[in-house]
Amino acid sequence: MEEKGHLDISEEELKDFVTHFSTFNQVMQNLRSAYRELEERFGDLNLQLEQANSELKQSLAEKEKISGFLNNILESLTSGVLAIDLEGNVTLFNRAAEEILGYGTKEVIGKPYLEVIGKGMEEKHSLPFVLKSHQLNADEYKLCENGEKEVYSKNGEKIPVKFSTSLLKDKGGEILGAVEVFFDLTQMKRMEEEMMRVKTLAALGEMAAIVAHEVKNPLGGIRGFAELLDRDLETGDPRKSSVKKIMEGVETLDRIVTSLLNYVKPIQFSPRKIEIKKFLDETINFFKMDSSQVKENVHLEKKFPPDELFCHLDLEQFRQMLLNLLHNAVQAMPQGGKIMVELNQDVAINARPSKPEKKWVILKISDTGIGMSKGTKEKLFTPFFTTKERGTGLGLSTVKKIVEAHWGEIEVESEPGKGTTVQVRLPMIL
């Protein structure tokens, strides 16, 4: 009989159990070994993944750095840069392009090129890209380098620009779009016009000096004989009026010749440090005292800052310039009005970052007179151009000459019926 609590196991069953247990142990050991190997491989993969992530982060940081560097360069350029895609829509518009054309980047991104910068050029066949139905036609594209054209700003102003274009391609050579680089020629065109004006004036000055001297002598003879003739004619003789007209004509010619000689003659420039507010007060008070200059219905006002402002001025020359401008303002208001003389200071807009800021004294003389047309304004400083019946056309030319002799600049703003403002900029002594 079997004892209670004990199993009757045969020797063969025991051997099988030992064999199976040994096999189980071997399987468990193999599993542990595989698990350790898996852990090691997992650790290696983690290290590799961390290294790959680190390299990717570094690569992305470098790309962001390069991208930021290129963007900084792009935004720092003084030339406008504009890119379009294959559909002819704007994809890039840098800060200089904003300043030249007056558009904000958000206003133009995604818009057709023709709406932004191509207004009026399609009909003139002066587009820098070959666009068909507003899309870029890369097959017919031709490189444009250092071309010139006129574009329109946001406010409709016509701007001359020099430009170059090229296609945008990826690494595989596939065309992605096109880019146009352009810069404003307005200032350069003004300088060219100014150079032409200076050359013309130089040639005119040489010729005028010769002609004036040649005319002076005959005028003296005509005046002398006219005076003798006037003296020989009796009072009441009708021929006396003709002689008087001859003498008046001689005086007019003499005045023109004298003005011309004074204009072509180099300015005797003797500047010294002057507190300009005090000088302006004295000159304006002197002008007011001359009843022949200031009419009763003309009101002259001043607007000066509290601080003292110093400039290098030639008192005689600058006084002549100021009186000439005030006299012109009075003549521009035959029905009366107001003249405002303002004085202020400003920092040079185009001062280079590498140089200290240059400060200016701004003198403005404004009137509420009849104003002038754009055509008249453009010819304002041209010698012998005048709208006055008895004018010589040398007054404002002389004013410009005096301002430039003081290392200054002069600008005129005027519209018919809205008066005129003359602005004189002078370097300020700090």
Protein backbone atom coordinates (compact mmCIF):
# COMPACT_ATOMS: atom_id res chain seq x y z
CA MET A 1 0.00 0.00 0.00
CA GLU A 2 1.16 3.56 -0.82
CA GLU A 3 1.85 5.84 2.06
CA LYS A 4 -0.45 8.81 2.35
CA GLY A 5 1.17 12.06 0.86
CA HIS A 6 3.76 10.27 -1.35
CA LEU A 7 3.60 9.64 -5.13
CA ASP A 8 4.76 6.44 -6.63
CA ILE A 9 7.21 7.62 -9.40
CA SER A 10 9.06 5.18 -11.47
CA GLU A 11 12.73 5.46 -12.27
CA GLU A 12 11.98 6.00 -15.94
CA GLU A 13 9.58 8.86 -15.19
CA LEU A 14 12.20 10.44 -12.97
CA LYS A 15 14.78 10.27 -15.73
CA ASP A 16 12.34 11.91 -18.15
CA PHE A 17 11.64 14.66 -15.62
CA VAL A 18 15.36 15.34 -15.13
CA THR A 19 15.88 15.41 -18.89
CA HIS A 20 12.97 17.83 -19.42
CA PHE A 21 14.11 20.01 -16.51
CA SER A 22 17.61 20.16 -17.93
CA THR A 23 16.18 21.11 -21.30
CA PHE A 24 14.04 23.78 -19.64
CA ASN A 25 17.12 25.19 -17.85
CA GLN A 26 19.02 25.26 -21.12
CA VAL A 27 16.12 27.08 -22.83
CA MET A 28 15.97 29.59 -19.96
CA GLN A 29 19.72 30.18 -20.19
CA ASN A 30 19.40 30.68 -23.95
CA LEU A 31 16.56 33.14 -23.34
CA ARG A 32 18.62 35.03 -20.75
CA SER A 33 21.56 35.15 -23.14
CA ALA A 34 19.29 36.32 -25.97
CA TYR A 35 17.75 38.92 -23.66
CA ARG A 36 21.20 40.21 -22.63
CA GLU A 37 22.23 40.32 -26.29
CA LEU A 38 18.99 42.16 -27.12
CA GLU A 39 19.65 44.63 -24.29
CA GLU A 40 23.17 45.24 -25.61
CA ARG A 41 21.88 45.74 -29.16
CA PHE A 42 19.12 48.00 -27.85
CA GLY A 43 21.72 50.05 -25.98
CA ASP A 44 23.86 50.29 -29.10
CA LEU A 45 20.85 51.34 -31.14
CA ASN A 46 20.00 53.97 -28.50
CA LEU A 47 23.54 55.31 -28.68
CA GLN A 48 23.41 55.35 -32.46
CA LEU A 49 20.01 57.04 -32.36
CA GLU A 50 21.23 59.67 -29.89
CA GLN A 51 24.29 60.27 -32.05
CA ALA A 52 22.12 60.56 -35.16
CA ASN A 53 19.78 62.97 -33.32
CA SER A 54 22.74 65.03 -32.17
CA GLU A 55 24.16 65.16 -35.70
CA LEU A 56 20.71 66.04 -37.07
CA LYS A 57 20.29 68.83 -34.50
CA GLN A 58 23.74 70.14 -35.34
CA SER A 59 22.96 69.95 -39.06
CA LEU A 60 19.65 71.75 -38.56
CA ALA A 61 21.35 74.40 -36.40
CA GLU A 62 24.01 74.91 -39.07
CA LYS A 63 21.34 75.14 -41.77
CA GLU A 64 19.37 77.64 -39.67
CA LYS A 65 22.55 79.60 -39.07
CA ILE A 66 23.38 79.61 -42.78
CA SER A 67 19.77 80.47 -43.64
CA GLY A 68 19.76 83.30 -41.08
CA PHE A 69 23.13 84.51 -42.37
CA LEU A 70 21.86 84.52 -45.96
CA ASN A 71 18.64 86.27 -44.89
CA ASN A 72 20.67 88.91 -43.06
CA ILE A 73 22.77 89.45 -46.17
CA LEU A 74 19.61 89.62 -48.29
CA GLU A 75 17.98 92.15 -45.96
CA SER A 76 21.19 94.20 -45.68
CA LEU A 77 21.53 94.68 -49.45
CA THR A 78 20.88 98.17 -50.78
CA SER A 79 19.58 96.58 -53.99
CA GLY A 80 16.06 95.28 -54.24
CA VAL A 81 15.74 91.49 -54.68
CA LEU A 82 12.54 89.93 -56.01
CA ALA A 83 11.90 86.28 -56.91
CA ILE A 84 9.00 84.67 -58.75
CA ASP A 85 7.86 81.06 -59.14
CA LEU A 86 6.87 79.30 -62.36
CA GLU A 87 3.35 80.75 -62.08
CA GLY A 88 4.80 84.27 -62.13
CA ASN A 89 3.90 84.96 -58.49
CA VAL A 90 6.25 86.80 -56.12
CA THR A 91 7.96 84.47 -53.61
CA LEU A 92 10.64 86.78 -52.20
CA PHE A 93 10.76 90.52 -51.57
CA ASN A 94 13.60 91.98 -49.47
CA ARG A 95 13.77 95.17 -47.39
CA ALA A 96 15.45 97.26 -50.10
CA ALA A 97 12.66 96.30 -52.52
CA GLU A 98 10.16 97.51 -49.90
CA GLU A 99 11.95 100.85 -49.59
CA ILE A 100 12.26 101.37 -53.36
CA LEU A 101 8.72 100.38 -54.33
CA GLY A 102 6.84 101.30 -51.14
CA TYR A 103 5.16 97.90 -50.75
CA GLY A 104 5.34 95.74 -47.64
CA THR A 105 6.50 92.15 -48.08
CA LYS A 106 3.14 90.76 -46.90
CA GLU A 107 1.38 92.87 -49.54
CA VAL A 108 3.20 91.29 -52.48
CA ILE A 109 4.07 87.69 -51.54
CA GLY A 110 1.92 85.38 -53.66
CA LYS A 111 0.78 88.16 -56.00
CA PRO A 112 1.51 88.18 -59.77
CA TYR A 113 4.71 89.95 -60.79
CA LEU A 114 2.81 92.17 -63.23
CA GLU A 115 0.67 93.59 -60.41
CA VAL A 116 3.68 94.47 -58.27
CA ILE A 117 6.44 95.72 -60.54
CA GLY A 118 5.36 95.12 -64.12
CA LYS A 119 2.66 97.82 -64.43
CA GLY A 120 2.74 99.35 -67.89
CA MET A 121 5.69 97.24 -69.04
CA GLU A 122 3.79 94.42 -70.72
CA GLU A 123 2.53 96.73 -73.46
CA LYS A 124 6.00 98.23 -73.92
CA HIS A 125 7.59 94.75 -74.21
CA SER A 126 10.10 95.69 -71.52
CA LEU A 127 9.43 92.86 -69.07
CA PRO A 128 12.59 91.34 -67.58
CA PHE A 129 11.01 87.85 -67.71
CA VAL A 130 9.28 86.09 -70.60
CA LEU A 131 5.79 85.81 -69.11
CA LYS A 132 2.90 84.20 -70.94
CA SER A 133 -0.50 84.37 -69.28
CA HIS A 134 1.35 85.61 -66.17
CA GLN A 135 3.45 82.39 -66.08
CA LEU A 136 7.23 82.16 -66.43
CA ASN A 137 8.21 80.75 -69.82
CA ALA A 138 11.65 79.29 -69.03
CA ASP A 139 12.18 77.98 -72.57
CA GLU A 140 12.18 81.50 -74.02
CA TYR A 141 13.96 83.10 -71.05
CA LYS A 142 16.91 85.35 -71.87
CA LEU A 143 19.42 86.60 -69.33
CA CYS A 144 19.17 90.33 -68.69
CA GLU A 145 22.21 92.04 -67.16
CA ASN A 146 22.54 95.73 -66.21
CA GLY A 147 19.39 96.76 -68.05
CA GLU A 148 17.47 99.95 -67.32
CA LYS A 149 13.73 100.49 -67.08
CA GLU A 150 11.10 102.52 -65.24
CA VAL A 151 8.84 100.96 -62.64
CA TYR A 152 5.94 102.32 -60.61
CA SER A 153 5.93 102.54 -56.82
CA LYS A 154 2.89 101.84 -54.66
CA ASN A 155 1.86 105.53 -54.79
CA GLY A 156 2.18 105.64 -58.59
CA GLU A 157 5.54 107.40 -58.73
CA LYS A 158 7.72 106.47 -61.71
CA ILE A 159 11.15 105.21 -60.59
CA PRO A 160 14.15 104.58 -62.90
CA VAL A 161 16.01 101.37 -61.96
CA LYS A 162 18.97 99.33 -63.19
CA PHE A 163 18.28 95.58 -63.03
CA SER A 164 19.62 92.09 -63.72
CA THR A 165 17.74 88.77 -63.87
CA SER A 166 18.56 85.05 -63.75
CA LEU A 167 16.76 81.72 -63.43
CA LEU A 168 16.49 79.88 -60.11
CA LYS A 169 17.40 76.16 -60.30
CA ASP A 170 17.68 73.31 -57.81
CA LYS A 171 20.68 70.93 -57.49
CA GLY A 172 19.33 68.77 -60.28
CA GLY A 173 19.07 71.70 -62.66
CA GLU A 174 15.28 71.87 -62.56
CA ILE A 175 13.96 75.43 -62.94
CA LEU A 176 12.12 76.71 -59.88
CA GLY A 177 11.53 80.31 -60.95
CA ALA A 178 13.49 83.50 -61.57
CA VAL A 179 15.08 86.30 -59.57
CA GLU A 180 15.46 90.00 -60.34
CA VAL A 181 17.95 92.32 -58.62
CA PHE A 182 17.39 96.06 -59.05
CA PHE A 183 18.45 99.38 -57.53
CA ASP A 184 17.05 102.89 -57.62
CA LEU A 185 18.67 105.24 -60.16
CA THR A 186 16.73 108.34 -59.06
CA GLN A 187 19.64 109.92 -57.18
CA MET A 188 22.09 108.99 -59.94
CA LYS A 189 19.83 110.52 -62.59
CA ARG A 190 19.59 113.71 -60.52
CA MET A 191 23.38 113.81 -60.22
CA GLU A 192 23.71 113.33 -63.98
CA GLU A 193 21.26 116.17 -64.55
CA GLU A 194 23.16 118.31 -62.04
CA MET A 195 26.46 117.55 -63.77
CA MET A 196 24.96 118.49 -67.11
CA ARG A 197 23.62 121.68 -65.55
CA VAL A 198 27.03 122.54 -64.10
CA LYS A 199 28.76 121.90 -67.43
CA THR A 200 26.16 124.02 -69.23
CA LEU A 201 26.53 126.80 -66.68
CA ALA A 202 30.31 126.69 -66.95
CA ALA A 203 30.14 127.04 -70.72
CA LEU A 204 27.44 129.70 -70.37
CA GLY A 205 29.54 131.57 -67.84
CA GLU A 206 32.56 131.75 -70.13
CA MET A 207 30.42 132.92 -73.04
CA ALA A 208 28.41 135.35 -70.89
CA ALA A 209 31.50 137.02 -69.46
CA ILE A 210 32.82 137.69 -72.97
CA VAL A 211 29.44 138.86 -74.31
CA ALA A 212 28.76 141.06 -71.25
CA HIS A 213 32.06 142.89 -71.60
CA GLU A 214 31.46 143.38 -75.32
CA VAL A 215 27.93 144.70 -74.68
CA LYS A 216 28.91 147.05 -71.85
CA ASN A 217 30.88 149.43 -74.04
CA PRO A 218 28.19 149.98 -76.73
CA LEU A 219 25.59 150.42 -73.98
CA GLY A 220 27.65 153.21 -72.47
CA GLY A 221 27.82 154.93 -75.85
CA ILE A 222 24.06 154.55 -76.45
CA ARG A 223 23.29 155.94 -72.99
CA GLY A 224 25.62 158.92 -73.57
CA PHE A 225 24.16 159.85 -76.96
CA ALA A 226 20.60 159.38 -75.65
CA GLU A 227 21.31 161.78 -72.77
CA LEU A 228 22.76 164.34 -75.21
CA LEU A 229 19.74 163.96 -77.46
CA ASP A 230 17.38 164.35 -74.49
CA ARG A 231 19.20 167.50 -73.42
CA ASP A 232 19.01 169.03 -76.93
CA LEU A 233 15.27 168.45 -77.27
CA GLU A 234 12.99 171.09 -75.87
CA THR A 235 10.46 170.36 -73.15
CA GLY A 236 7.22 169.15 -74.67
CA ASP A 237 8.90 167.75 -77.76
CA PRO A 238 7.10 164.44 -78.55
CA ARG A 239 10.46 162.89 -79.44
CA LYS A 240 11.49 163.15 -75.79
CA SER A 241 9.25 160.14 -74.93
CA SER A 242 11.07 158.05 -77.55
CA VAL A 243 14.43 159.07 -76.12
CA LYS A 244 13.17 158.18 -72.64
CA LYS A 245 12.20 154.68 -73.85
CA ILE A 246 15.68 154.28 -75.35
CA MET A 247 17.24 155.22 -72.01
CA GLU A 248 14.92 152.83 -70.13
CA GLY A 249 15.87 150.02 -72.53
CA VAL A 250 19.55 150.77 -71.99
CA GLU A 251 19.07 150.66 -68.21
CA THR A 252 17.30 147.29 -68.49
CA LEU A 253 20.08 145.86 -70.64
CA ASP A 254 22.70 147.28 -68.30
CA ARG A 255 20.96 145.70 -65.31
CA ILE A 256 20.85 142.31 -67.07
CA VAL A 257 24.50 142.51 -68.10
CA THR A 258 25.56 143.55 -64.59
CA SER A 259 23.53 140.69 -63.06
CA LEU A 260 25.09 138.28 -65.53
CA LEU A 261 28.60 139.44 -64.70
CA ASN A 262 27.87 139.11 -60.99
CA TYR A 263 26.46 135.61 -61.54
CA VAL A 264 29.44 134.23 -63.49
CA LYS A 265 31.91 135.92 -61.17
CA PRO A 266 33.23 133.56 -58.42
CA ILE A 267 31.66 134.25 -55.02
CA GLN A 268 33.99 135.98 -52.58
CA PHE A 269 33.24 133.63 -49.72
CA SER A 270 34.29 134.62 -46.18
CA PRO A 271 32.36 132.40 -43.72
CA ARG A 272 32.50 132.62 -39.95
CA LYS A 273 30.66 131.01 -37.05
CA ILE A 274 27.25 132.67 -36.68
CA GLU A 275 24.27 132.07 -34.38
CA ILE A 276 21.71 131.84 -37.17
CA LYS A 277 18.56 132.76 -35.15
CA LYS A 278 19.94 136.16 -34.22
CA PHE A 279 21.08 136.76 -37.79
CA LEU A 280 17.66 135.82 -39.19
CA ASP A 281 15.89 138.11 -36.71
CA GLU A 282 18.02 141.07 -37.79
CA THR A 283 17.57 140.38 -41.52
CA ILE A 284 13.80 139.85 -41.23
CA ASN A 285 13.37 143.04 -39.19
CA PHE A 286 15.37 144.92 -41.82
CA PHE A 287 13.11 143.46 -44.53
CA LYS A 288 9.96 144.48 -42.61
CA MET A 289 11.17 148.06 -42.30
CA ASP A 290 11.34 148.40 -46.09
CA SER A 291 7.78 149.46 -46.97
CA SER A 292 8.48 148.95 -50.67
CA GLN A 293 9.08 145.24 -49.97
CA VAL A 294 6.34 144.31 -47.48
CA LYS A 295 2.76 145.27 -48.28
CA GLU A 296 0.14 145.90 -45.61
CA ASN A 297 -1.78 142.73 -46.49
CA VAL A 298 1.32 140.52 -46.18
CA HIS A 299 1.95 139.03 -42.72
CA LEU A 300 5.41 137.72 -41.93
CA GLU A 301 5.74 135.22 -39.06
CA LYS A 302 8.68 133.38 -37.47
CA LYS A 303 8.92 129.97 -35.81
CA PHE A 304 12.31 129.32 -34.21
CA PRO A 305 13.40 126.63 -31.71
CA PRO A 306 14.57 127.72 -28.23
CA ASP A 307 18.10 126.33 -28.64
CA GLU A 308 20.93 128.27 -30.27
CA LEU A 309 21.96 127.00 -33.72
CA PHE A 310 25.37 127.77 -35.21
CA CYS A 311 26.50 127.67 -38.85
CA HIS A 312 29.38 128.93 -40.94
CA LEU A 313 27.91 131.87 -42.89
CA ASP A 314 29.14 134.62 -45.13
CA LEU A 315 26.88 137.36 -43.76
CA GLU A 316 26.74 139.49 -46.89
CA GLN A 317 26.10 136.60 -49.28
CA PHE A 318 23.60 134.83 -47.02
CA ARG A 319 21.70 138.05 -46.34
CA GLN A 320 21.40 138.61 -50.09
CA MET A 321 20.07 135.05 -50.50
CA LEU A 322 17.49 135.44 -47.69
CA LEU A 323 16.24 138.84 -48.90
CA ASN A 324 15.89 137.45 -52.41
CA LEU A 325 13.72 134.55 -51.15
CA LEU A 326 11.56 136.87 -49.02
CA HIS A 327 11.13 139.27 -51.94
CA ASN A 328 10.03 136.36 -54.20
CA ALA A 329 7.54 135.22 -51.54
CA VAL A 330 5.95 138.69 -51.43
CA GLN A 331 5.74 138.84 -55.24
CA ALA A 332 4.03 135.42 -55.26
CA MET A 333 1.14 136.90 -53.19
CA PRO A 334 -0.29 139.82 -55.21
CA GLN A 335 -3.50 139.60 -53.17
CA GLY A 336 -1.64 139.34 -49.87
CA GLY A 337 -1.12 136.38 -47.58
CA LYS A 338 1.27 134.94 -45.00
CA ILE A 339 5.00 134.26 -45.09
CA MET A 340 6.32 131.79 -42.53
CA VAL A 341 10.06 131.60 -41.75
CA GLU A 342 10.84 128.38 -39.85
CA LEU A 343 14.11 127.18 -38.39
CA ASN A 344 14.83 123.66 -37.18
CA GLN A 345 17.48 120.97 -37.04
CA ASP A 346 17.70 117.50 -38.49
CA VAL A 347 20.05 114.51 -38.69
CA ALA A 348 21.41 113.52 -42.10
CA ILE A 349 19.12 110.83 -43.53
CA ASN A 350 21.85 109.28 -45.67
CA ALA A 351 24.62 109.36 -43.08
CA ARG A 352 26.82 106.25 -43.30
CA PRO A 353 26.91 103.98 -40.23
CA SER A 354 30.71 104.13 -40.25
CA LYS A 355 30.66 107.93 -39.97
CA PRO A 356 29.25 110.16 -37.24
CA GLU A 357 25.78 111.55 -37.84
CA LYS A 358 25.77 114.84 -39.70
CA LYS A 359 23.36 117.45 -38.39
CA TRP A 360 21.71 120.11 -40.48
CA VAL A 361 20.04 123.43 -39.83
CA ILE A 362 16.78 123.53 -41.80
CA LEU A 363 15.55 126.94 -42.94
CA LYS A 364 12.06 126.98 -44.50
CA ILE A 365 10.42 129.99 -46.14
CA SER A 366 6.78 129.30 -47.01
CA ASP A 367 4.18 131.53 -48.64
CA THR A 368 0.47 131.18 -49.33
CA GLY A 369 0.80 132.57 -52.83
CA ILE A 370 -0.12 131.39 -56.31
CA GLY A 371 2.38 128.52 -56.36
CA MET A 372 3.86 127.12 -59.54
CA SER A 373 3.46 124.23 -61.97
CA LYS A 374 5.76 121.21 -62.10
CA GLY A 375 7.33 122.49 -65.34
CA THR A 376 8.11 125.88 -63.79
CA LYS A 377 9.56 124.22 -60.67
CA GLU A 378 11.91 122.05 -62.76
CA LYS A 379 13.34 125.14 -64.52
CA LEU A 380 13.40 127.31 -61.41
CA PHE A 381 17.19 127.44 -60.97
CA THR A 382 17.98 127.66 -64.69
CA PRO A 383 19.73 130.95 -65.58
CA PHE A 384 17.56 133.44 -67.50
CA PHE A 385 14.35 131.51 -66.79
CA THR A 386 11.80 133.89 -65.28
CA THR A 387 8.05 134.29 -65.01
CA LYS A 388 8.34 137.98 -64.09
CA GLU A 389 7.84 140.70 -66.64
CA ARG A 390 10.96 142.65 -65.67
CA GLY A 391 12.97 139.79 -64.17
CA THR A 392 16.45 138.77 -65.32
CA GLY A 393 16.05 135.09 -64.44
CA LEU A 394 19.25 135.11 -62.39
CA GLY A 395 17.86 135.69 -58.88
CA LEU A 396 17.18 132.07 -57.90
CA SER A 397 20.22 130.83 -59.83
CA THR A 398 22.29 133.13 -57.62
CA VAL A 399 20.44 131.87 -54.52
CA LYS A 400 21.35 128.26 -55.40
CA LYS A 401 24.94 129.29 -56.02
CA ILE A 402 25.17 130.97 -52.59
CA VAL A 403 23.59 127.97 -50.80
CA GLU A 404 25.99 125.54 -52.47
CA ALA A 405 28.91 127.81 -51.55
CA HIS A 406 27.81 127.28 -47.91
CA TRP A 407 28.00 123.47 -48.45
CA GLY A 408 24.20 123.40 -48.30
CA GLU A 409 21.26 122.10 -50.31
CA ILE A 410 18.09 123.81 -51.53
CA GLU A 411 14.74 122.27 -52.45
CA VAL A 412 11.42 123.76 -53.55
CA GLU A 413 7.94 122.36 -52.99
CA SER A 414 5.05 124.04 -54.76
CA GLU A 415 1.66 123.43 -56.33
CA PRO A 416 -0.54 125.85 -58.25
CA GLY A 417 -2.84 127.64 -55.82
CA LYS A 418 -1.21 126.04 -52.74
CA GLY A 419 1.78 128.28 -52.21
CA THR A 420 5.51 127.56 -52.21
CA THR A 421 8.00 126.31 -49.63
CA VAL A 422 11.73 126.79 -50.12
CA GLN A 423 13.88 124.60 -47.86
CA VAL A 424 17.57 125.39 -47.31
CA ARG A 425 19.73 122.79 -45.51
CA LEU A 426 22.98 124.00 -43.96
CA PRO A 427 25.61 121.98 -42.06
CA MET A 428 25.30 122.70 -38.35
CA ILE A 429 28.28 123.39 -36.10
CA LEU A 430 28.00 121.11 -33.05
